[in-house]
PDB file of N, CA and C in Angstrom:
ATOM      1  N   UNK A   1      39.328 -47.436  23.977  1.00  0.00           N
ATOM      2  CA  UNK A   1      38.303 -46.849  24.527  1.00  0.00           C
ATOM      3  C   UNK A   1      37.324 -47.867  25.103  1.00  0.00           C
ATOM      4  N   UNK A   2      36.777 -47.883  25.844  1.00  0.00           N
ATOM      5  CA  UNK A   2      36.065 -48.756  26.726  1.00  0.00           C
ATOM      6  C   UNK A   2      34.349 -48.371  26.586  1.00  0.00           C
ATOM      7  N   UNK A   3      33.448 -49.144  25.621  1.00  0.00           N
ATOM      8  CA  UNK A   3      32.459 -48.687  25.316  1.00  0.00           C
ATOM      9  C   UNK A   3      31.365 -49.213  26.321  1.00  0.00           C
ATOM     10  N   UNK A   4      31.798 -49.809  27.355  1.00  0.00           N
ATOM     11  CA  UNK A   4      30.564 -50.237  28.305  1.00  0.00           C
ATOM     12  C   UNK A   4      30.508 -51.706  28.167  1.00  0.00           C
ATOM     13  N   UNK A   5      30.004 -52.341  29.179  1.00  0.00           N
ATOM     14  CA  UNK A   5      29.623 -53.919  28.984  1.00  0.00           C
ATOM     15  C   UNK A   5      28.153 -53.914  28.308  1.00  0.00           C
ATOM     16  N   UNK A   6      28.017 -54.708  27.183  1.00  0.00           N
ATOM     17  CA  UNK A   6      26.919 -54.621  26.428  1.00  0.00           C
ATOM     18  C   UNK A   6      25.852 -55.408  26.988  1.00  0.00           C
ATOM     19  N   UNK A   7      26.270 -56.217  28.119  1.00  0.00           N
ATOM     20  CA  UNK A   7      25.177 -56.967  28.532  1.00  0.00           C
ATOM     21  C   UNK A   7      24.591 -56.198  29.588  1.00  0.00           C
ATOM     22  N   UNK A   8      25.419 -55.162  30.382  1.00  0.00           N
ATOM     23  CA  UNK A   8      24.867 -54.752  31.377  1.00  0.00           C
ATOM     24  C   UNK A   8      24.007 -53.207  30.729  1.00  0.00           C
ATOM     25  N   UNK A   9      24.320 -52.803  29.379  1.00  0.00           N
ATOM     26  CA  UNK A   9      23.393 -51.769  28.608  1.00  0.00           C
ATOM     27  C   UNK A   9      21.884 -52.524  28.332  1.00  0.00           C
ATOM     28  N   UNK A  10      22.026 -53.756  28.012  1.00  0.00           N
ATOM     29  CA  UNK A  10      21.332 -54.494  27.785  1.00  0.00           C
ATOM     30  C   UNK A  10      19.998 -54.414  28.798  1.00  0.00           C
ATOM     31  N   UNK A  11      20.627 -54.896  29.859  1.00  0.00           N
ATOM     32  CA  UNK A  11      19.901 -55.234  31.201  1.00  0.00           C
ATOM     33  C   UNK A  11      19.100 -53.717  31.902  1.00  0.00           C
ATOM     34  N   UNK A  12      19.774 -52.788  31.477  1.00  0.00           N
ATOM     35  CA  UNK A  12      19.351 -51.412  31.928  1.00  0.00           C
ATOM     36  C   UNK A  12      18.480 -51.084  30.979  1.00  0.00           C
ATOM     37  N   UNK A  13      18.427 -51.249  29.779  1.00  0.00           N
ATOM     38  CA  UNK A  13      17.323 -50.775  28.767  1.00  0.00           C
ATOM     39  C   UNK A  13      16.035 -51.654  28.964  1.00  0.00           C
ATOM     40  N   UNK A  14      16.489 -52.958  29.541  1.00  0.00           N
ATOM     41  CA  UNK A  14      15.123 -53.631  29.519  1.00  0.00           C
ATOM     42  C   UNK A  14      14.447 -53.232  30.985  1.00  0.00           C
ATOM     43  N   UNK A  15      15.454 -52.872  31.849  1.00  0.00           N
ATOM     44  CA  UNK A  15      14.820 -52.675  33.478  1.00  0.00           C
ATOM     45  C   UNK A  15      13.990 -51.117  32.910  1.00  0.00           C
ATOM     46  N   UNK A  16      14.616 -50.563  32.218  1.00  0.00           N
ATOM     47  CA  UNK A  16      13.719 -49.072  32.235  1.00  0.00           C
ATOM     48  C   UNK A  16      12.504 -49.152  31.374  1.00  0.00           C
ATOM     49  N   UNK A  17      12.630 -50.032  30.433  1.00  0.00           N
ATOM     50  CA  UNK A  17      11.518 -50.709  29.721  1.00  0.00           C
ATOM     51  C   UNK A  17      10.417 -50.943  30.628  1.00  0.00           C
ATOM     52  N   UNK A  18      10.578 -51.999  31.094  1.00  0.00           N
ATOM     53  CA  UNK A  18       9.881 -52.530  32.058  1.00  0.00           C
ATOM     54  C   UNK A  18       8.963 -51.571  33.106  1.00  0.00           C
ATOM     55  N   UNK A  19       9.929 -50.643  33.602  1.00  0.00           N
ATOM     56  CA  UNK A  19       9.482 -49.775  34.495  1.00  0.00           C
ATOM     57  C   UNK A  19       8.478 -48.785  33.953  1.00  0.00           C
ATOM     58  N   UNK A  20       8.744 -48.318  32.387  1.00  0.00           N
ATOM     59  CA  UNK A  20       7.900 -47.659  32.017  1.00  0.00           C
ATOM     60  C   UNK A  20       6.496 -48.400  31.619  1.00  0.00           C
ATOM     61  N   UNK A  21       6.324 -49.565  31.320  1.00  0.00           N
ATOM     62  CA  UNK A  21       5.263 -50.560  31.240  1.00  0.00           C
ATOM     63  C   UNK A  21       4.390 -50.580  32.213  1.00  0.00           C
ATOM     64  N   UNK A  22       4.999 -50.725  33.425  1.00  0.00           N
ATOM     65  CA  UNK A  22       4.374 -50.971  34.847  1.00  0.00           C
ATOM     66  C   UNK A  22       3.682 -49.483  34.985  1.00  0.00           C
ATOM     67  N   UNK A  23       4.605 -48.278  34.718  1.00  0.00           N
ATOM     68  CA  UNK A  23       3.799 -47.127  34.848  1.00  0.00           C
ATOM     69  C   UNK A  23       2.718 -47.090  33.812  1.00  0.00           C
ATOM     70  N   UNK A  24       2.891 -47.433  32.806  1.00  0.00           N
ATOM     71  CA  UNK A  24       1.704 -47.105  31.921  1.00  0.00           C
ATOM     72  C   UNK A  24       0.522 -48.185  32.444  1.00  0.00           C
ATOM     73  N   UNK A  25       0.798 -49.312  32.596  1.00  0.00           N
ATOM     74  CA  UNK A  25      -0.490 -50.117  33.258  1.00  0.00           C
ATOM     75  C   UNK A  25      -0.862 -49.470  34.392  1.00  0.00           C
ATOM     76  N   UNK A  26      -0.214 -48.861  35.422  1.00  0.00           N
ATOM     77  CA  UNK A  26      -1.079 -48.782  36.660  1.00  0.00           C
ATOM     78  C   UNK A  26      -1.632 -47.150  36.109  1.00  0.00           C
ATOM     79  N   UNK A  27      -1.262 -46.253  35.239  1.00  0.00           N
ATOM     80  CA  UNK A  27      -1.710 -45.305  34.659  1.00  0.00           C
ATOM     81  C   UNK A  27      -2.925 -45.664  34.048  1.00  0.00           C
ATOM     82  N   UNK A  28      -3.324 -46.635  33.526  1.00  0.00           N
ATOM     83  CA  UNK A  28      -4.480 -47.326  32.746  1.00  0.00           C
ATOM     84  C   UNK A  28      -5.313 -47.434  33.869  1.00  0.00           C
ATOM     85  N   UNK A  29      -5.001 -48.291  34.990  1.00  0.00           N
ATOM     86  CA  UNK A  29      -5.984 -48.576  35.954  1.00  0.00           C
ATOM     87  C   UNK A  29      -6.205 -47.140  36.491  1.00  0.00           C
ATOM     88  N   UNK A  30      -5.648 -46.374  36.981  1.00  0.00           N
ATOM     89  CA  UNK A  30      -5.895 -45.225  37.536  1.00  0.00           C
ATOM     90  C   UNK A  30      -6.942 -44.518  36.839  1.00  0.00           C
ATOM     91  N   UNK A  31      -6.593 -44.382  35.425  1.00  0.00           N
ATOM     92  CA  UNK A  31      -7.608 -43.589  34.535  1.00  0.00           C
ATOM     93  C   UNK A  31      -9.086 -44.439  34.560  1.00  0.00           C
ATOM     94  N   UNK A  32      -9.077 -45.364  34.325  1.00  0.00           N
ATOM     95  CA  UNK A  32     -10.572 -46.153  34.414  1.00  0.00           C
ATOM     96  C   UNK A  32     -11.040 -45.819  35.595  1.00  0.00           C
ATOM     97  N   UNK A  33     -10.398 -46.181  36.922  1.00  0.00           N
ATOM     98  CA  UNK A  33     -10.873 -45.966  38.389  1.00  0.00           C
ATOM     99  C   UNK A  33     -11.597 -44.367  38.427  1.00  0.00           C
ATOM    100  N   UNK A  34     -10.837 -43.519  37.772  1.00  0.00           N
ATOM    101  CA  UNK A  34     -11.302 -41.859  38.006  1.00  0.00           C
ATOM    102  C   UNK A  34     -12.434 -41.799  36.920  1.00  0.00           C
ATOM    103  N   UNK A  35     -12.576 -42.248  36.137  1.00  0.00           N
ATOM    104  CA  UNK A  35     -13.664 -42.247  34.920  1.00  0.00           C
ATOM    105  C   UNK A  35     -13.032 -41.691  33.866  1.00  0.00           C
ATOM    106  N   UNK A  36     -11.605 -41.102  33.763  1.00  0.00           N
ATOM    107  CA  UNK A  36     -10.842 -40.375  32.729  1.00  0.00           C
ATOM    108  C   UNK A  36     -11.216 -40.964  31.646  1.00  0.00           C
ATOM    109  N   UNK A  37     -11.127 -39.974  30.262  1.00  0.00           N
ATOM    110  CA  UNK A  37     -11.191 -40.456  28.940  1.00  0.00           C
ATOM    111  C   UNK A  37      -9.916 -41.137  28.564  1.00  0.00           C
ATOM    112  N   UNK A  38      -9.936 -42.207  28.233  1.00  0.00           N
ATOM    113  CA  UNK A  38      -8.628 -43.125  28.123  1.00  0.00           C
ATOM    114  C   UNK A  38      -7.979 -42.543  26.429  1.00  0.00           C
ATOM    115  N   UNK A  39      -7.089 -41.910  26.546  1.00  0.00           N
ATOM    116  CA  UNK A  39      -6.450 -41.580  25.473  1.00  0.00           C
ATOM    117  C   UNK A  39      -4.967 -41.562  25.530  1.00  0.00           C
ATOM    118  N   UNK A  40      -4.044 -41.759  24.596  1.00  0.00           N
ATOM    119  CA  UNK A  40      -2.900 -42.255  24.406  1.00  0.00           C
ATOM    120  C   UNK A  40      -2.029 -40.886  24.884  1.00  0.00           C
ATOM    121  N   UNK A  41      -2.584 -39.436  24.582  1.00  0.00           N
ATOM    122  CA  UNK A  41      -2.033 -38.541  25.262  1.00  0.00           C
ATOM    123  C   UNK A  41      -2.135 -38.411  26.848  1.00  0.00           C
ATOM    124  N   UNK A  42      -3.335 -38.858  27.485  1.00  0.00           N
ATOM    125  CA  UNK A  42      -3.735 -38.780  28.476  1.00  0.00           C
ATOM    126  C   UNK A  42      -2.912 -39.754  29.438  1.00  0.00           C
ATOM    127  N   UNK A  43      -2.690 -41.004  29.098  1.00  0.00           N
ATOM    128  CA  UNK A  43      -2.164 -41.778  29.666  1.00  0.00           C
ATOM    129  C   UNK A  43      -0.664 -41.530  29.643  1.00  0.00           C
ATOM    130  N   UNK A  44       0.014 -41.285  28.466  1.00  0.00           N
ATOM    131  CA  UNK A  44       1.452 -40.685  28.469  1.00  0.00           C
ATOM    132  C   UNK A  44       1.607 -39.772  29.604  1.00  0.00           C
ATOM    133  N   UNK A  45       0.706 -38.534  29.915  1.00  0.00           N
ATOM    134  CA  UNK A  45       0.938 -37.455  30.925  1.00  0.00           C
ATOM    135  C   UNK A  45       0.669 -38.516  32.334  1.00  0.00           C
ATOM    136  N   UNK A  46      -0.364 -39.209  32.446  1.00  0.00           N
ATOM    137  CA  UNK A  46      -0.347 -39.747  33.635  1.00  0.00           C
ATOM    138  C   UNK A  46       0.837 -40.591  34.174  1.00  0.00           C
ATOM    139  N   UNK A  47       1.026 -41.414  33.367  1.00  0.00           N
ATOM    140  CA  UNK A  47       2.157 -42.536  33.490  1.00  0.00           C
ATOM    141  C   UNK A  47       3.699 -41.937  33.263  1.00  0.00           C
ATOM    142  N   UNK A  48       3.754 -40.695  32.676  1.00  0.00           N
ATOM    143  CA  UNK A  48       5.026 -40.392  32.436  1.00  0.00           C
ATOM    144  C   UNK A  48       5.878 -40.934  31.720  1.00  0.00           C
ATOM    145  N   UNK A  49       5.235 -41.209  30.632  1.00  0.00           N
ATOM    146  CA  UNK A  49       5.846 -42.051  29.438  1.00  0.00           C
ATOM    147  C   UNK A  49       5.448 -41.208  28.029  1.00  0.00           C
ATOM    148  N   UNK A  50       6.535 -41.732  27.069  1.00  0.00           N
ATOM    149  CA  UNK A  50       6.294 -40.888  25.834  1.00  0.00           C
ATOM    150  C   UNK A  50       5.039 -41.622  25.211  1.00  0.00           C
ATOM    151  N   UNK A  51       4.621 -40.706  24.051  1.00  0.00           N
ATOM    152  CA  UNK A  51       4.137 -41.341  23.248  1.00  0.00           C
ATOM    153  C   UNK A  51       4.345 -42.528  22.546  1.00  0.00           C
ATOM    154  N   UNK A  52       5.549 -42.118  21.697  1.00  0.00           N
ATOM    155  CA  UNK A  52       6.301 -43.266  21.042  1.00  0.00           C
ATOM    156  C   UNK A  52       6.409 -44.619  21.778  1.00  0.00           C
ATOM    157  N   UNK A  53       6.530 -44.446  22.985  1.00  0.00           N
ATOM    158  CA  UNK A  53       6.772 -45.847  23.908  1.00  0.00           C
ATOM    159  C   UNK A  53       5.285 -46.606  23.851  1.00  0.00           C
ATOM    160  N   UNK A  54       4.211 -45.794  23.896  1.00  0.00           N
ATOM    161  CA  UNK A  54       2.860 -46.158  23.906  1.00  0.00           C
ATOM    162  C   UNK A  54       2.518 -46.832  22.749  1.00  0.00           C
ATOM    163  N   UNK A  55       2.665 -46.033  21.619  1.00  0.00           N
ATOM    164  CA  UNK A  55       2.654 -46.497  20.434  1.00  0.00           C
ATOM    165  C   UNK A  55       3.491 -47.770  19.701  1.00  0.00           C
ATOM    166  N   UNK A  56       4.462 -47.894  20.238  1.00  0.00           N
ATOM    167  CA  UNK A  56       5.300 -49.275  20.066  1.00  0.00           C
ATOM    168  C   UNK A  56       5.057 -50.366  20.729  1.00  0.00           C
ATOM    169  N   UNK A  57       4.308 -49.944  21.900  1.00  0.00           N
ATOM    170  CA  UNK A  57       4.010 -51.427  22.990  1.00  0.00           C
ATOM    171  C   UNK A  57       2.991 -51.850  22.643  1.00  0.00           C
ATOM    172  N   UNK A  58       2.855 -52.851  21.852  1.00  0.00           N
ATOM    173  CA  UNK A  58       1.919 -53.649  21.042  1.00  0.00           C
ATOM    174  C   UNK A  58       0.742 -53.706  22.099  1.00  0.00           C
ATOM    175  N   UNK A  59       1.102 -54.454  23.163  1.00  0.00           N
ATOM    176  CA  UNK A  59       0.324 -54.717  24.271  1.00  0.00           C
ATOM    177  C   UNK A  59      -0.410 -53.536  25.164  1.00  0.00           C
ATOM    178  N   UNK A  60       0.257 -52.660  25.160  1.00  0.00           N
ATOM    179  CA  UNK A  60      -0.227 -51.296  25.906  1.00  0.00           C
ATOM    180  C   UNK A  60      -1.132 -50.842  24.736  1.00  0.00           C
ATOM    181  N   UNK A  61      -0.860 -50.715  23.582  1.00  0.00           N
ATOM    182  CA  UNK A  61      -1.391 -49.903  22.620  1.00  0.00           C
ATOM    183  C   UNK A  61      -3.067 -50.772  22.509  1.00  0.00           C
ATOM    184  N   UNK A  62      -3.017 -51.984  22.401  1.00  0.00           N
ATOM    185  CA  UNK A  62      -3.980 -52.408  22.321  1.00  0.00           C
ATOM    186  C   UNK A  62      -5.450 -52.433  23.303  1.00  0.00           C
ATOM    187  N   UNK A  63      -4.757 -52.287  24.356  1.00  0.00           N
ATOM    188  CA  UNK A  63      -5.468 -52.563  25.642  1.00  0.00           C
ATOM    189  C   UNK A  63      -5.772 -50.892  25.816  1.00  0.00           C
ATOM    190  N   UNK A  64      -5.131 -49.657  25.424  1.00  0.00           N
ATOM    191  CA  UNK A  64      -5.652 -48.304  25.242  1.00  0.00           C
ATOM    192  C   UNK A  64      -6.864 -48.169  24.089  1.00  0.00           C
ATOM    193  N   UNK A  65      -6.531 -49.043  22.987  1.00  0.00           N
ATOM    194  CA  UNK A  65      -7.467 -48.764  21.764  1.00  0.00           C
ATOM    195  C   UNK A  65      -8.914 -49.428  22.213  1.00  0.00           C
ATOM    196  N   UNK A  66      -8.837 -50.708  22.913  1.00  0.00           N
ATOM    197  CA  UNK A  66      -9.916 -51.543  23.477  1.00  0.00           C
ATOM    198  C   UNK A  66     -10.641 -50.706  24.327  1.00  0.00           C
ATOM    199  N   UNK A  67      -9.942 -50.220  25.628  1.00  0.00           N
ATOM    200  CA  UNK A  67     -10.709 -48.947  26.564  1.00  0.00           C
ATOM    201  C   UNK A  67     -11.466 -47.705  25.803  1.00  0.00           C
ATOM    202  N   UNK A  68     -10.659 -47.321  25.082  1.00  0.00           N
ATOM    203  CA  UNK A  68     -11.208 -46.380  24.253  1.00  0.00           C
ATOM    204  C   UNK A  68     -12.411 -46.426  23.625  1.00  0.00           C
ATOM    205  N   UNK A  69     -12.221 -47.596  22.861  1.00  0.00           N
ATOM    206  CA  UNK A  69     -13.496 -48.068  22.120  1.00  0.00           C
ATOM    207  C   UNK A  69     -14.602 -48.580  23.076  1.00  0.00           C
ATOM    208  N   UNK A  70     -14.219 -48.794  24.238  1.00  0.00           N
ATOM    209  CA  UNK A  70     -15.741 -49.216  25.082  1.00  0.00           C
ATOM    210  C   UNK A  70     -16.073 -48.066  25.855  1.00  0.00           C
ATOM    211  N   UNK A  71     -15.208 -46.841  26.127  1.00  0.00           N
ATOM    212  CA  UNK A  71     -15.840 -45.694  26.510  1.00  0.00           C
ATOM    213  C   UNK A  71     -16.751 -44.756  25.258  1.00  0.00           C
ATOM    214  N   UNK A  72     -16.395 -45.484  24.262  1.00  0.00           N
ATOM    215  CA  UNK A  72     -17.378 -44.426  22.924  1.00  0.00           C
ATOM    216  C   UNK A  72     -18.314 -45.093  22.735  1.00  0.00           C
ATOM    217  N   UNK A  73     -18.367 -46.312  23.184  1.00  0.00           N
ATOM    218  CA  UNK A  73     -19.788 -47.338  23.004  1.00  0.00           C
ATOM    219  C   UNK A  73     -19.394 -48.425  21.425  1.00  0.00           C
ATOM    220  N   UNK A  74     -18.360 -48.206  21.095  1.00  0.00           N
ATOM    221  CA  UNK A  74     -17.847 -48.872  19.682  1.00  0.00           C
ATOM    222  C   UNK A  74     -17.804 -50.226  19.813  1.00  0.00           C
ATOM    223  N   UNK A  75     -18.474 -51.061  19.365  1.00  0.00           N
ATOM    224  CA  UNK A  75     -18.618 -52.220  19.192  1.00  0.00           C
ATOM    225  C   UNK A  75     -16.996 -53.070  19.242  1.00  0.00           C
ATOM    226  N   UNK A  76     -16.982 -54.014  19.646  1.00  0.00           N
ATOM    227  CA  UNK A  76     -15.512 -54.536  19.605  1.00  0.00           C
ATOM    228  C   UNK A  76     -15.733 -55.575  18.586  1.00  0.00           C
ATOM    229  N   UNK A  77     -14.692 -55.915  17.640  1.00  0.00           N
ATOM    230  CA  UNK A  77     -14.805 -56.873  16.664  1.00  0.00           C
ATOM    231  C   UNK A  77     -15.015 -58.282  17.223  1.00  0.00           C
ATOM    232  N   UNK A  78     -15.673 -59.171  16.602  1.00  0.00           N
ATOM    233  CA  UNK A  78     -15.567 -60.565  17.380  1.00  0.00           C
ATOM    234  C   UNK A  78     -16.609 -60.906  18.359  1.00  0.00           C
ATOM    235  N   UNK A  79     -17.081 -59.616  18.962  1.00  0.00           N
ATOM    236  CA  UNK A  79     -18.182 -59.857  19.994  1.00  0.00           C
ATOM    237  C   UNK A  79     -19.452 -60.072  19.562  1.00  0.00           C
ATOM    238  N   UNK A  80     -20.309 -61.123  20.227  1.00  0.00           N
ATOM    239  CA  UNK A  80     -21.718 -61.415  19.698  1.00  0.00           C
ATOM    240  C   UNK A  80     -22.480 -60.888  21.041  1.00  0.00           C
ATOM    241  N   UNK A  81     -23.189 -60.037  20.885  1.00  0.00           N
ATOM    242  CA  UNK A  81     -24.158 -59.605  22.002  1.00  0.00           C
ATOM    243  C   UNK A  81     -25.781 -60.108  21.643  1.00  0.00           C
TER     244      UNK A  81
END
């Protein structure tokens, strides 16, 4: 039984993840431009990605948290004003 080419499967998974990341980044830009509240659920809906993907992707997760905190007026750690 042929289980497929592991290299091709890894490449396909990486491409799918990269496409989801690009959609999430574009979704964040769109939400900021429109002045939408930045939330994980809102981004998941806007970008067509899962909540799990957003929470697991450290870079996107930090960006959402940062933008959400800025909208709330929460001071960012390490900033001196």
